[in-house]
Amino acid sequence: MNKVIAFLGESEMGRFYYPYFCSSLTQLATTLGNPPEDSRGLDFAIQAIMYERDVIYFRVEEEGFSIKDYIKSFEIIKDKKKVKRLDAICIPGVGDIEIILQLDPICKLHSSIIITTQKDLFDYLLAE
């Protein structure tokens, strides 16, 4: 059984805060299209599929800033009937302490980890 990673990021297609389950690059591309400029979510999702991980992709309007999109996506991820297994949650572009703190109970529920970038980790650690 493949590892499952949830990604929250921008894309040119798809509904906002809707879980798209993808296990191939073709599926990812036809469902979500190309990544917008300066977006990292789809780039990371492509890497995950290349490493034989299954992807649950949630489209957000603006990576790191669309708090309502993140919160609505988290509500779906919290529901173990909808997301039965989750090994990691990738939130590129997010250094916002409010968003990251909401992931703590979700990570405990699924025994999962948070994947972020070095820059976003520093933003979080240096937030007051």
Protein backbone atom coordinates (compact mmCIF):
# COMPACT_ATOMS: atom_id res chain seq x y z
CA MET A 1 0.00 0.00 0.00
CA ASN A 2 1.39 3.38 -1.04
CA LYS A 3 1.91 6.23 1.39
CA VAL A 4 -0.73 8.97 1.13
CA ILE A 5 0.18 12.66 1.21
CA ALA A 6 -2.27 15.57 1.23
CA PHE A 7 -1.13 18.70 -0.60
CA LEU A 8 -2.67 22.14 -0.26
CA GLY A 9 -1.69 24.45 -3.08
CA GLU A 10 -2.65 26.44 -6.12
CA SER A 11 -3.60 25.03 -9.52
CA GLU A 12 -5.18 26.39 -12.67
CA MET A 13 -8.13 23.97 -12.59
CA GLY A 14 -10.35 22.26 -10.06
CA ARG A 15 -12.71 23.27 -7.29
CA PHE A 16 -11.39 24.98 -4.20
CA TYR A 17 -10.94 22.91 -1.00
CA TYR A 18 -12.12 19.72 -2.74
CA PRO A 19 -10.10 16.50 -2.32
CA TYR A 20 -8.68 15.26 -5.62
CA PHE A 21 -7.26 11.76 -5.27
CA CYS A 22 -4.47 11.16 -7.78
CA SER A 23 -2.03 8.31 -8.23
CA SER A 24 -0.60 9.18 -11.66
CA LEU A 25 0.90 12.21 -13.36
CA THR A 26 -1.74 12.02 -16.09
CA GLN A 27 -4.52 12.10 -13.52
CA LEU A 28 -2.90 15.04 -11.72
CA ALA A 29 -2.40 17.03 -14.93
CA THR A 30 -5.87 16.45 -16.39
CA THR A 31 -7.59 17.20 -13.09
CA LEU A 32 -5.61 20.23 -11.89
CA GLY A 33 -3.76 21.59 -14.93
CA ASN A 34 -0.51 23.51 -14.68
CA PRO A 35 0.91 25.18 -11.59
CA PRO A 36 0.57 28.97 -11.47
CA GLU A 37 3.77 30.99 -11.30
CA ASP A 38 5.49 30.89 -7.88
CA SER A 39 3.29 28.00 -6.75
CA ARG A 40 4.93 24.93 -5.18
CA GLY A 41 2.00 22.63 -4.35
CA LEU A 42 1.74 20.87 -7.70
CA ASP A 43 5.53 20.65 -7.99
CA PHE A 44 5.66 18.74 -4.71
CA ALA A 45 2.68 16.57 -5.71
CA ILE A 46 4.48 15.59 -8.93
CA GLN A 47 7.55 14.59 -6.91
CA ALA A 48 5.39 12.53 -4.57
CA ILE A 49 3.82 10.61 -7.46
CA MET A 50 7.26 10.04 -8.96
CA TYR A 51 8.21 8.44 -5.63
CA GLU A 52 5.10 6.23 -5.83
CA ARG A 53 3.03 8.09 -3.24
CA ASP A 54 -0.71 8.63 -3.57
CA VAL A 55 -1.81 12.25 -3.56
CA ILE A 56 -4.84 14.03 -2.17
CA TYR A 57 -4.70 17.55 -3.59
CA PHE A 58 -6.72 20.45 -2.23
CA ARG A 59 -6.78 23.56 -4.38
CA VAL A 60 -6.42 26.85 -2.53
CA GLU A 61 -6.79 30.29 -4.07
CA GLU A 62 -3.42 31.58 -2.90
CA GLU A 63 -0.76 29.44 -1.25
CA GLY A 64 -0.08 30.59 2.28
CA PHE A 65 -2.76 33.28 2.35
CA SER A 66 -6.22 31.81 1.65
CA ILE A 67 -6.94 30.91 5.26
CA LYS A 68 -10.58 29.98 4.60
CA ASP A 69 -9.50 27.51 1.90
CA TYR A 70 -7.05 25.87 4.29
CA ILE A 71 -9.61 25.67 7.11
CA LYS A 72 -12.28 24.13 4.85
CA SER A 73 -9.75 21.62 3.51
CA PHE A 74 -8.73 20.70 7.07
CA GLU A 75 -12.38 19.94 7.89
CA ILE A 76 -12.39 17.29 5.15
CA ILE A 77 -9.02 15.87 6.21
CA LYS A 78 -10.26 15.55 9.83
CA ASP A 79 -13.12 13.26 8.73
CA LYS A 80 -11.73 9.71 8.92
CA LYS A 81 -14.66 8.51 6.78
CA LYS A 82 -13.48 10.70 3.90
CA VAL A 83 -9.72 10.44 4.44
CA LYS A 84 -9.03 7.03 5.92
CA ARG A 85 -5.25 7.16 5.74
CA LEU A 86 -2.88 10.10 5.70
CA ASP A 87 0.87 9.82 6.17
CA ALA A 88 1.77 13.48 5.62
CA ILE A 89 0.34 16.93 4.91
CA CYS A 90 2.34 19.22 2.63
CA ILE A 91 1.68 22.94 2.99
CA PRO A 92 4.18 24.84 0.83
CA GLY A 93 4.03 28.61 1.17
CA VAL A 94 2.49 28.45 4.65
CA GLY A 95 4.38 30.05 7.51
CA ASP A 96 1.21 31.35 9.21
CA ILE A 97 1.09 30.15 12.81
CA GLU A 98 -2.75 30.10 12.80
CA ILE A 99 -2.85 27.60 9.94
CA ILE A 100 -0.01 25.43 11.23
CA LEU A 101 -1.44 25.16 14.75
CA GLN A 102 -4.70 23.83 13.32
CA LEU A 103 -2.76 20.90 11.86
CA ASP A 104 -1.63 19.58 15.26
CA PRO A 105 -4.83 17.63 16.11
CA ILE A 106 -5.11 16.43 12.50
CA CYS A 107 -1.56 15.08 12.52
CA LYS A 108 -2.24 13.32 15.83
CA LEU A 109 -5.49 11.85 14.48
CA HIS A 110 -3.76 10.36 11.42
CA SER A 111 -0.29 9.86 12.97
CA SER A 112 1.03 11.99 10.12
CA ILE A 113 3.72 14.62 9.67
CA ILE A 114 3.82 18.10 8.16
CA ILE A 115 5.97 18.72 5.10
CA THR A 116 7.01 22.31 4.51
CA THR A 117 9.87 24.29 3.03
CA GLN A 118 12.87 25.62 4.92
CA LYS A 119 11.72 29.22 4.36
CA ASP A 120 8.22 28.49 5.68
CA LEU A 121 9.61 26.69 8.72
CA PHE A 122 11.75 29.73 9.56
CA ASP A 123 8.72 32.03 9.12
CA TYR A 124 6.81 29.85 11.57
CA LEU A 125 9.64 29.62 14.09
CA LEU A 126 10.29 33.35 14.04
CA ALA A 127 6.60 34.36 14.28
CA GLU A 128 5.66 36.21 17.42
